[in-house]
Structure formats: C-alpha cells, structure tokens
PDB file of N, CA and C in Angstrom:
ATOM      1  N   MET A   1       0.838  -1.130   0.016  1.00  0.00           N
ATOM      2  CA  MET A   1       0.008   0.093   0.019  1.00  0.00           C
ATOM      3  C   MET A   1       0.953   1.238  -0.004  1.00  0.00           C
ATOM      4  N   LEU A   2       0.543   2.150  -0.786  1.00  0.00           N
ATOM      5  CA  LEU A   2       1.284   3.379  -0.922  1.00  0.00           C
ATOM      6  C   LEU A   2       0.398   4.588  -0.513  1.00  0.00           C
ATOM      7  N   ALA A   3       0.922   5.347   0.443  1.00  0.00           N
ATOM      8  CA  ALA A   3       0.177   6.568   0.872  1.00  0.00           C
ATOM      9  C   ALA A   3       0.834   7.775   0.348  1.00  0.00           C
ATOM     10  N   LEU A   4       0.052   8.703  -0.234  1.00  0.00           N
ATOM     11  CA  LEU A   4       0.588   9.902  -0.770  1.00  0.00           C
ATOM     12  C   LEU A   4      -0.398  11.062  -0.375  1.00  0.00           C
ATOM     13  N   ASN A   5       0.144  12.171  -0.311  1.00  0.00           N
ATOM     14  CA  ASN A   5      -0.799  13.383  -0.050  1.00  0.00           C
ATOM     15  C   ASN A   5      -1.280  13.763  -1.483  1.00  0.00           C
ATOM     16  N   TYR A   6      -2.215  14.662  -1.437  1.00  0.00           N
ATOM     17  CA  TYR A   6      -2.943  15.022  -2.685  1.00  0.00           C
ATOM     18  C   TYR A   6      -1.895  15.558  -3.765  1.00  0.00           C
ATOM     19  N   THR A   7      -1.029  16.399  -3.320  1.00  0.00           N
ATOM     20  CA  THR A   7      -0.064  17.061  -4.204  1.00  0.00           C
ATOM     21  C   THR A   7       0.816  16.047  -4.807  1.00  0.00           C
ATOM     22  N   GLN A   8       1.402  15.096  -4.011  1.00  0.00           N
ATOM     23  CA  GLN A   8       2.250  14.054  -4.632  1.00  0.00           C
ATOM     24  C   GLN A   8       1.480  13.225  -5.589  1.00  0.00           C
ATOM     25  N   PHE A   9       0.263  12.906  -5.283  1.00  0.00           N
ATOM     26  CA  PHE A   9      -0.507  12.003  -6.225  1.00  0.00           C
ATOM     27  C   PHE A   9      -0.829  12.844  -7.480  1.00  0.00           C
ATOM     28  N   ARG A  10      -1.194  14.058  -7.396  1.00  0.00           N
ATOM     29  CA  ARG A  10      -1.500  14.829  -8.593  1.00  0.00           C
ATOM     30  C   ARG A  10      -0.302  15.004  -9.486  1.00  0.00           C
ATOM     31  N   ASN A  11       0.996  15.236  -8.967  1.00  0.00           N
ATOM     32  CA  ASN A  11       2.138  15.553  -9.682  1.00  0.00           C
ATOM     33  C   ASN A  11       2.590  14.334 -10.497  1.00  0.00           C
ATOM     34  N   GLU A  12       2.235  13.072 -10.082  1.00  0.00           N
ATOM     35  CA  GLU A  12       2.620  11.955 -10.832  1.00  0.00           C
ATOM     36  C   GLU A  12       1.461  10.964 -10.892  1.00  0.00           C
ATOM     37  N   MET A  13       0.259  11.500 -11.282  1.00  0.00           N
ATOM     38  CA  MET A  13      -0.912  10.725 -11.307  1.00  0.00           C
ATOM     39  C   MET A  13      -0.870   9.605 -12.279  1.00  0.00           C
ATOM     40  N   LYS A  14      -0.345   9.748 -13.506  1.00  0.00           N
ATOM     41  CA  LYS A  14      -0.238   8.635 -14.432  1.00  0.00           C
ATOM     42  C   LYS A  14       0.631   7.463 -13.881  1.00  0.00           C
ATOM     43  N   THR A  15       1.745   7.797 -13.301  1.00  0.00           N
ATOM     44  CA  THR A  15       2.645   6.820 -12.741  1.00  0.00           C
ATOM     45  C   THR A  15       1.845   5.991 -11.686  1.00  0.00           C
ATOM     46  N   HIS A  16       1.223   6.725 -10.715  1.00  0.00           N
ATOM     47  CA  HIS A  16       0.540   6.029  -9.592  1.00  0.00           C
ATOM     48  C   HIS A  16      -0.583   5.213 -10.075  1.00  0.00           C
ATOM     49  N   LEU A  17      -1.356   5.731 -11.114  1.00  0.00           N
ATOM     50  CA  LEU A  17      -2.491   4.945 -11.614  1.00  0.00           C
ATOM     51  C   LEU A  17      -2.050   3.743 -12.396  1.00  0.00           C
ATOM     52  N   ASP A  18      -0.834   3.882 -13.065  1.00  0.00           N
ATOM     53  CA  ASP A  18      -0.244   2.735 -13.692  1.00  0.00           C
ATOM     54  C   ASP A  18       0.142   1.634 -12.718  1.00  0.00           C
ATOM     55  N   ARG A  19       0.642   2.061 -11.621  1.00  0.00           N
ATOM     56  CA  ARG A  19       1.020   1.102 -10.494  1.00  0.00           C
ATOM     57  C   ARG A  19      -0.156   0.445 -10.008  1.00  0.00           C
ATOM     58  N   VAL A  20      -1.293   1.156  -9.927  1.00  0.00           N
ATOM     59  CA  VAL A  20      -2.574   0.462  -9.398  1.00  0.00           C
ATOM     60  C   VAL A  20      -3.084  -0.546 -10.441  1.00  0.00           C
ATOM     61  N   THR A  21      -3.027  -0.182 -11.648  1.00  0.00           N
ATOM     62  CA  THR A  21      -3.560  -1.185 -12.646  1.00  0.00           C
ATOM     63  C   THR A  21      -2.549  -2.262 -12.981  1.00  0.00           C
ATOM     64  N   ASP A  22      -1.316  -1.857 -13.220  1.00  0.00           N
ATOM     65  CA  ASP A  22      -0.330  -2.908 -13.607  1.00  0.00           C
ATOM     66  C   ASP A  22       0.300  -3.786 -12.518  1.00  0.00           C
ATOM     67  N   ASP A  23       0.444  -3.136 -11.369  1.00  0.00           N
ATOM     68  CA  ASP A  23       1.061  -3.894 -10.166  1.00  0.00           C
ATOM     69  C   ASP A  23       0.119  -4.247  -9.106  1.00  0.00           C
ATOM     70  N   TYR A  24      -1.161  -3.938  -9.304  1.00  0.00           N
ATOM     71  CA  TYR A  24      -2.178  -4.160  -8.178  1.00  0.00           C
ATOM     72  C   TYR A  24      -1.826  -3.521  -6.920  1.00  0.00           C
ATOM     73  N   GLU A  25      -1.202  -2.336  -6.971  1.00  0.00           N
ATOM     74  CA  GLU A  25      -0.853  -1.559  -5.854  1.00  0.00           C
ATOM     75  C   GLU A  25      -2.073  -0.815  -5.443  1.00  0.00           C
ATOM     76  N   THR A  26      -2.274  -0.672  -4.037  1.00  0.00           N
ATOM     77  CA  THR A  26      -3.339   0.144  -3.475  1.00  0.00           C
ATOM     78  C   THR A  26      -2.696   1.442  -3.186  1.00  0.00           C
ATOM     79  N   VAL A  27      -3.371   2.564  -3.484  1.00  0.00           N
ATOM     80  CA  VAL A  27      -2.899   3.965  -3.216  1.00  0.00           C
ATOM     81  C   VAL A  27      -3.820   4.643  -2.334  1.00  0.00           C
ATOM     82  N   VAL A  28      -3.392   5.170  -1.206  1.00  0.00           N
ATOM     83  CA  VAL A  28      -4.204   5.941  -0.374  1.00  0.00           C
ATOM     84  C   VAL A  28      -3.777   7.421  -0.558  1.00  0.00           C
ATOM     85  N   VAL A  29      -4.730   8.237  -0.992  1.00  0.00           N
ATOM     86  CA  VAL A  29      -4.417   9.630  -1.166  1.00  0.00           C
ATOM     87  C   VAL A  29      -4.983  10.314   0.169  1.00  0.00           C
ATOM     88  N   THR A  30      -3.986  10.848   1.028  1.00  0.00           N
ATOM     89  CA  THR A  30      -4.412  11.478   2.195  1.00  0.00           C
ATOM     90  C   THR A  30      -4.804  12.894   2.024  1.00  0.00           C
ATOM     91  N   ARG A  31      -5.816  13.282   2.784  1.00  0.00           N
ATOM     92  CA  ARG A  31      -6.345  14.598   2.681  1.00  0.00           C
ATOM     93  C   ARG A  31      -6.588  15.223   3.965  1.00  0.00           C
ATOM     94  N   LYS A  32      -6.819  16.579   3.995  1.00  0.00           N
ATOM     95  CA  LYS A  32      -7.192  17.176   5.269  1.00  0.00           C
ATOM     96  C   LYS A  32      -8.467  16.692   5.866  1.00  0.00           C
ATOM     97  N   GLU A  33      -8.531  16.814   7.226  1.00  0.00           N
ATOM     98  CA  GLU A  33      -9.635  16.396   7.967  1.00  0.00           C
ATOM     99  C   GLU A  33      -9.931  14.813   7.853  1.00  0.00           C
ATOM    100  N   ASN A  34      -8.938  14.073   7.565  1.00  0.00           N
ATOM    101  CA  ASN A  34      -8.984  12.592   7.395  1.00  0.00           C
ATOM    102  C   ASN A  34      -9.994  12.172   6.318  1.00  0.00           C
ATOM    103  N   LYS A  35     -10.170  13.041   5.299  1.00  0.00           N
ATOM    104  CA  LYS A  35     -11.086  12.604   4.206  1.00  0.00           C
ATOM    105  C   LYS A  35     -10.270  11.931   3.140  1.00  0.00           C
ATOM    106  N   ASN A  36      -9.608  10.840   3.565  1.00  0.00           N
ATOM    107  CA  ASN A  36      -8.691  10.072   2.674  1.00  0.00           C
ATOM    108  C   ASN A  36      -9.469   9.266   1.589  1.00  0.00           C
ATOM    109  N   VAL A  37      -8.800   8.971   0.523  1.00  0.00           N
ATOM    110  CA  VAL A  37      -9.317   8.246  -0.596  1.00  0.00           C
ATOM    111  C   VAL A  37      -8.485   7.079  -0.871  1.00  0.00           C
ATOM    112  N   VAL A  38      -9.128   5.842  -1.134  1.00  0.00           N
ATOM    113  CA  VAL A  38      -8.342   4.612  -1.532  1.00  0.00           C
ATOM    114  C   VAL A  38      -8.622   4.322  -2.970  1.00  0.00           C
ATOM    115  N   ILE A  39      -7.529   4.230  -3.768  1.00  0.00           N
ATOM    116  CA  ILE A  39      -7.624   3.853  -5.199  1.00  0.00           C
ATOM    117  C   ILE A  39      -7.153   2.388  -5.374  1.00  0.00           C
ATOM    118  N   ILE A  40      -8.008   1.630  -5.979  1.00  0.00           N
ATOM    119  CA  ILE A  40      -7.733   0.258  -6.349  1.00  0.00           C
ATOM    120  C   ILE A  40      -8.063   0.099  -7.827  1.00  0.00           C
ATOM    121  N   SER A  41      -7.547  -1.018  -8.350  1.00  0.00           N
ATOM    122  CA  SER A  41      -7.906  -1.308  -9.748  1.00  0.00           C
ATOM    123  C   SER A  41      -9.309  -1.859  -9.917  1.00  0.00           C
ATOM    124  N   GLU A  42      -9.905  -1.735 -11.053  1.00  0.00           N
ATOM    125  CA  GLU A  42     -11.227  -2.222 -11.293  1.00  0.00           C
ATOM    126  C   GLU A  42     -11.322  -3.696 -10.986  1.00  0.00           C
ATOM    127  N   ASP A  43     -10.277  -4.426 -11.413  1.00  0.00           N
ATOM    128  CA  ASP A  43     -10.266  -5.847 -11.141  1.00  0.00           C
ATOM    129  C   ASP A  43     -10.369  -6.214  -9.680  1.00  0.00           C
ATOM    130  N   ALA A  44      -9.460  -5.477  -8.833  1.00  0.00           N
ATOM    131  CA  ALA A  44      -9.482  -5.597  -7.469  1.00  0.00           C
ATOM    132  C   ALA A  44     -10.866  -5.271  -6.882  1.00  0.00           C
ATOM    133  N   TYR A  45     -11.469  -4.179  -7.360  1.00  0.00           N
ATOM    134  CA  TYR A  45     -12.715  -3.851  -6.916  1.00  0.00           C
ATOM    135  C   TYR A  45     -13.901  -4.864  -7.167  1.00  0.00           C
ATOM    136  N   ASN A  46     -13.887  -5.349  -8.372  1.00  0.00           N
ATOM    137  CA  ASN A  46     -14.804  -6.400  -8.769  1.00  0.00           C
ATOM    138  C   ASN A  46     -14.595  -7.651  -7.978  1.00  0.00           C
ATOM    139  N   ASN A  47     -13.389  -8.050  -7.740  1.00  0.00           N
ATOM    140  CA  ASN A  47     -13.114  -9.166  -6.848  1.00  0.00           C
ATOM    141  C   ASN A  47     -13.580  -9.037  -5.513  1.00  0.00           C
ATOM    142  N   MET A  48     -13.355  -7.880  -4.971  1.00  0.00           N
ATOM    143  CA  MET A  48     -13.826  -7.471  -3.629  1.00  0.00           C
ATOM    144  C   MET A  48     -15.344  -7.621  -3.552  1.00  0.00           C
ATOM    145  N   LEU A  49     -16.059  -6.992  -4.542  1.00  0.00           N
ATOM    146  CA  LEU A  49     -17.612  -7.052  -4.551  1.00  0.00           C
ATOM    147  C   LEU A  49     -18.051  -8.566  -4.627  1.00  0.00           C
ATOM    148  N   GLU A  50     -17.368  -9.361  -5.450  1.00  0.00           N
ATOM    149  CA  GLU A  50     -17.789 -10.778  -5.537  1.00  0.00           C
ATOM    150  C   GLU A  50     -17.513 -11.493  -4.213  1.00  0.00           C
ATOM    151  N   ASN A  51     -16.409 -11.257  -3.588  1.00  0.00           N
ATOM    152  CA  ASN A  51     -16.280 -11.913  -2.262  1.00  0.00           C
ATOM    153  C   ASN A  51     -17.177 -11.424  -1.261  1.00  0.00           C
ATOM    154  N   MET A  52     -17.549 -10.187  -1.201  1.00  0.00           N
ATOM    155  CA  MET A  52     -18.520  -9.700  -0.280  1.00  0.00           C
ATOM    156  C   MET A  52     -19.889 -10.309  -0.547  1.00  0.00           C
ATOM    157  N   HIS A  53     -20.169 -10.526  -1.793  1.00  0.00           N
ATOM    158  CA  HIS A  53     -21.540 -11.173  -2.155  1.00  0.00           C
ATOM    159  C   HIS A  53     -21.513 -12.626  -1.725  1.00  0.00           C
ATOM    160  N   LEU A  54     -20.470 -13.361  -2.015  1.00  0.00           N
ATOM    161  CA  LEU A  54     -20.371 -14.787  -1.651  1.00  0.00           C
ATOM    162  C   LEU A  54     -20.339 -14.995  -0.170  1.00  0.00           C
ATOM    163  N   LEU A  55     -19.545 -14.182   0.538  1.00  0.00           N
ATOM    164  CA  LEU A  55     -19.409 -14.326   2.021  1.00  0.00           C
ATOM    165  C   LEU A  55     -20.539 -13.621   2.799  1.00  0.00           C
ATOM    166  N   GLY A  56     -21.283 -12.861   2.134  1.00  0.00           N
ATOM    167  CA  GLY A  56     -22.349 -12.069   2.768  1.00  0.00           C
ATOM    168  C   GLY A  56     -23.638 -12.983   2.975  1.00  0.00           C
ATOM    169  N   ASN A  57     -23.734 -14.061   2.214  1.00  0.00           N
ATOM    170  CA  ASN A  57     -24.915 -14.880   2.239  1.00  0.00           C
ATOM    171  C   ASN A  57     -24.541 -16.089   3.145  1.00  0.00           C
ATOM    172  N   LYS A  58     -25.253 -16.280   4.283  1.00  0.00           N
ATOM    173  CA  LYS A  58     -24.870 -17.362   5.192  1.00  0.00           C
ATOM    174  C   LYS A  58     -24.845 -18.682   4.540  1.00  0.00           C
ATOM    175  N   ALA A  59     -25.728 -19.064   3.661  1.00  0.00           N
ATOM    176  CA  ALA A  59     -25.676 -20.365   3.030  1.00  0.00           C
ATOM    177  C   ALA A  59     -24.461 -20.458   2.239  1.00  0.00           C
ATOM    178  N   ASN A  60     -24.094 -19.477   1.437  1.00  0.00           N
ATOM    179  CA  ASN A  60     -22.868 -19.560   0.614  1.00  0.00           C
ATOM    180  C   ASN A  60     -21.599 -19.634   1.545  1.00  0.00           C
ATOM    181  N   TYR A  61     -21.522 -18.869   2.667  1.00  0.00           N
ATOM    182  CA  TYR A  61     -20.471 -18.885   3.474  1.00  0.00           C
ATOM    183  C   TYR A  61     -20.336 -20.278   4.106  1.00  0.00           C
ATOM    184  N   ASP A  62     -21.460 -20.800   4.641  1.00  0.00           N
ATOM    185  CA  ASP A  62     -21.382 -22.162   5.232  1.00  0.00           C
ATOM    186  C   ASP A  62     -20.836 -23.246   4.193  1.00  0.00           C
ATOM    187  N   TRP A  63     -21.319 -23.190   3.051  1.00  0.00           N
ATOM    188  CA  TRP A  63     -20.954 -24.117   1.963  1.00  0.00           C
ATOM    189  C   TRP A  63     -19.435 -23.946   1.674  1.00  0.00           C
ATOM    190  N   LEU A  64     -18.959 -22.663   1.508  1.00  0.00           N
ATOM    191  CA  LEU A  64     -17.527 -22.522   1.291  1.00  0.00           C
ATOM    192  C   LEU A  64     -16.630 -22.986   2.427  1.00  0.00           C
ATOM    193  N   MET A  65     -17.096 -22.660   3.658  1.00  0.00           N
ATOM    194  CA  MET A  65     -16.326 -23.130   4.731  1.00  0.00           C
ATOM    195  C   MET A  65     -16.248 -24.682   4.881  1.00  0.00           C
ATOM    196  N   GLU A  66     -17.339 -25.342   4.556  1.00  0.00           N
ATOM    197  CA  GLU A  66     -17.433 -26.776   4.534  1.00  0.00           C
ATOM    198  C   GLU A  66     -16.542 -27.396   3.468  1.00  0.00           C
ATOM    199  N   SER A  67     -16.537 -26.794   2.283  1.00  0.00           N
ATOM    200  CA  SER A  67     -15.688 -27.171   1.165  1.00  0.00           C
ATOM    201  C   SER A  67     -14.126 -26.979   1.537  1.00  0.00           C
ATOM    202  N   LYS A  68     -13.913 -25.838   2.217  1.00  0.00           N
ATOM    203  CA  LYS A  68     -12.497 -25.617   2.663  1.00  0.00           C
ATOM    204  C   LYS A  68     -12.046 -26.583   3.601  1.00  0.00           C
ATOM    205  N   ALA A  69     -12.941 -26.981   4.557  1.00  0.00           N
ATOM    206  CA  ALA A  69     -12.601 -27.971   5.554  1.00  0.00           C
ATOM    207  C   ALA A  69     -12.369 -29.364   4.951  1.00  0.00           C
ATOM    208  N   GLN A  70     -13.111 -29.648   3.976  1.00  0.00           N
ATOM    209  CA  GLN A  70     -12.950 -30.953   3.223  1.00  0.00           C
ATOM    210  C   GLN A  70     -11.525 -30.947   2.557  1.00  0.00           C
ATOM    211  N   LEU A  71     -11.192 -29.844   1.907  1.00  0.00           N
ATOM    212  CA  LEU A  71      -9.900 -29.787   1.276  1.00  0.00           C
ATOM    213  C   LEU A  71      -8.781 -29.906   2.337  1.00  0.00           C
ATOM    214  N   GLU A  72      -8.904 -29.250   3.430  1.00  0.00           N
ATOM    215  CA  GLU A  72      -7.892 -29.293   4.396  1.00  0.00           C
ATOM    216  C   GLU A  72      -7.716 -30.555   5.041  1.00  0.00           C
ATOM    217  N   THR A  73      -8.747 -31.401   5.248  1.00  0.00           N
ATOM    218  CA  THR A  73      -8.631 -32.729   5.890  1.00  0.00           C
ATOM    219  C   THR A  73      -8.469 -33.860   4.884  1.00  0.00           C
ATOM    220  N   GLY A  74      -8.371 -33.468   3.635  1.00  0.00           N
ATOM    221  CA  GLY A  74      -8.222 -34.583   2.678  1.00  0.00           C
ATOM    222  C   GLY A  74      -9.385 -35.379   2.335  1.00  0.00           C
ATOM    223  N   SER A  75     -10.640 -34.778   2.627  1.00  0.00           N
ATOM    224  CA  SER A  75     -11.871 -35.417   2.427  1.00  0.00           C
ATOM    225  C   SER A  75     -12.427 -35.172   0.989  1.00  0.00           C
ATOM    226  N   ALA A  76     -11.844 -34.285   0.200  1.00  0.00           N
ATOM    227  CA  ALA A  76     -12.286 -33.958  -1.094  1.00  0.00           C
ATOM    228  C   ALA A  76     -11.820 -35.102  -2.058  1.00  0.00           C
ATOM    229  N   SER A  77     -12.561 -35.234  -3.131  1.00  0.00           N
ATOM    230  CA  SER A  77     -12.303 -36.220  -4.107  1.00  0.00           C
ATOM    231  C   SER A  77     -12.263 -35.618  -5.523  1.00  0.00           C
ATOM    232  N   VAL A  78     -11.399 -36.181  -6.359  1.00  0.00           N
ATOM    233  CA  VAL A  78     -11.239 -35.747  -7.706  1.00  0.00           C
ATOM    234  C   VAL A  78     -11.977 -36.639  -8.705  1.00  0.00           C
ATOM    235  N   HIS A  79     -12.759 -36.033  -9.568  1.00  0.00           N
ATOM    236  CA  HIS A  79     -13.491 -36.678 -10.512  1.00  0.00           C
ATOM    237  C   HIS A  79     -13.175 -36.286 -11.970  1.00  0.00           C
ATOM    238  N   PRO A  80     -13.018 -37.131 -12.896  1.00  0.00           N
ATOM    239  CA  PRO A  80     -12.672 -36.802 -14.260  1.00  0.00           C
ATOM    240  C   PRO A  80     -13.857 -36.044 -14.889  1.00  0.00           C
ATOM    241  N   LEU A  81     -13.486 -35.069 -15.767  1.00  0.00           N
ATOM    242  CA  LEU A  81     -14.564 -34.367 -16.436  1.00  0.00           C
ATOM    243  C   LEU A  81     -15.167 -35.202 -17.511  1.00  0.00           C
ATOM    244  N   THR A  82     -16.378 -35.079 -17.742  1.00  0.00           N
ATOM    245  CA  THR A  82     -17.191 -35.825 -18.718  1.00  0.00           C
ATOM    246  C   THR A  82     -17.460 -34.816 -19.917  1.00  0.00           C
ATOM    247  N   GLU A  83     -17.070 -35.316 -21.140  1.00  0.00           N
ATOM    248  CA  GLU A  83     -17.406 -34.588 -22.267  1.00  0.00           C
ATOM    249  C   GLU A  83     -18.862 -34.672 -22.579  1.00  0.00           C
ATOM    250  N   VAL A  84     -19.490 -33.637 -22.875  1.00  0.00           N
ATOM    251  CA  VAL A  84     -20.920 -33.612 -23.286  1.00  0.00           C
ATOM    252  C   VAL A  84     -21.029 -33.319 -24.748  1.00  0.00           C
ATOM    253  N   SER A  85     -21.748 -34.184 -25.485  1.00  0.00           N
ATOM    254  CA  SER A  85     -21.859 -34.012 -26.879  1.00  0.00           C
ATOM    255  C   SER A  85     -23.023 -33.098 -27.190  1.00  0.00           C
ATOM    256  N   ASP A  86     -22.974 -32.488 -28.352  1.00  0.00           N
ATOM    257  CA  ASP A  86     -23.992 -31.496 -28.727  1.00  0.00           C
ATOM    258  C   ASP A  86     -25.193 -32.205 -29.270  1.00  0.00           C
ATOM    259  N   GLU A  87     -25.172 -33.500 -29.450  1.00  0.00           N
ATOM    260  CA  GLU A  87     -26.271 -34.268 -30.048  1.00  0.00           C
ATOM    261  C   GLU A  87     -27.414 -34.489 -29.117  1.00  0.00           C
TER     262      GLU A  87
END
C-alpha cells in the first residue's frame, strides 16, 4: 500500500495509476480532515464485490467453509470431467 498526499498524487498521477492497474498496488491519497481516498484497480474492486456477495450470504459462507474444511482434511475427491456431446 502506498500513501501519498494530494499534491504528490497529482504531480505523478499517471505513474501512480499505472502502478494501481499494472502492479495491483493500492494507493491511499491522504487529505485534510482525514477525508482520505483509497484507489484500487477495477479488477480488485470487482473481486472485492464478488467476495462480499459470496461471503455475505450465510448459506454460501457455510458451503464455502465446509468445502474448505474438506480440502484441508483430505476429504475432497477428484472426478474426471465428462465430455458432453452436442447431439
């Protein structure tokens, strides 16, 4: 995470935005009266929203945690994929 004041960010905005999108860097622009702004890439934002949606639903959360527990204890099994014909 990179913290910059408004002037530092403005002076090299393209460089900082490139770091956000190319290197998945998070930039915090500090402002007066603690009105800070966090800048993340669109990909990171979309991922965050998806995670919030998946984990925000109790049934989804419980299912994910059970699946995780199965993987961690070796209770998961591998199945070959079956080809489906268009016929």
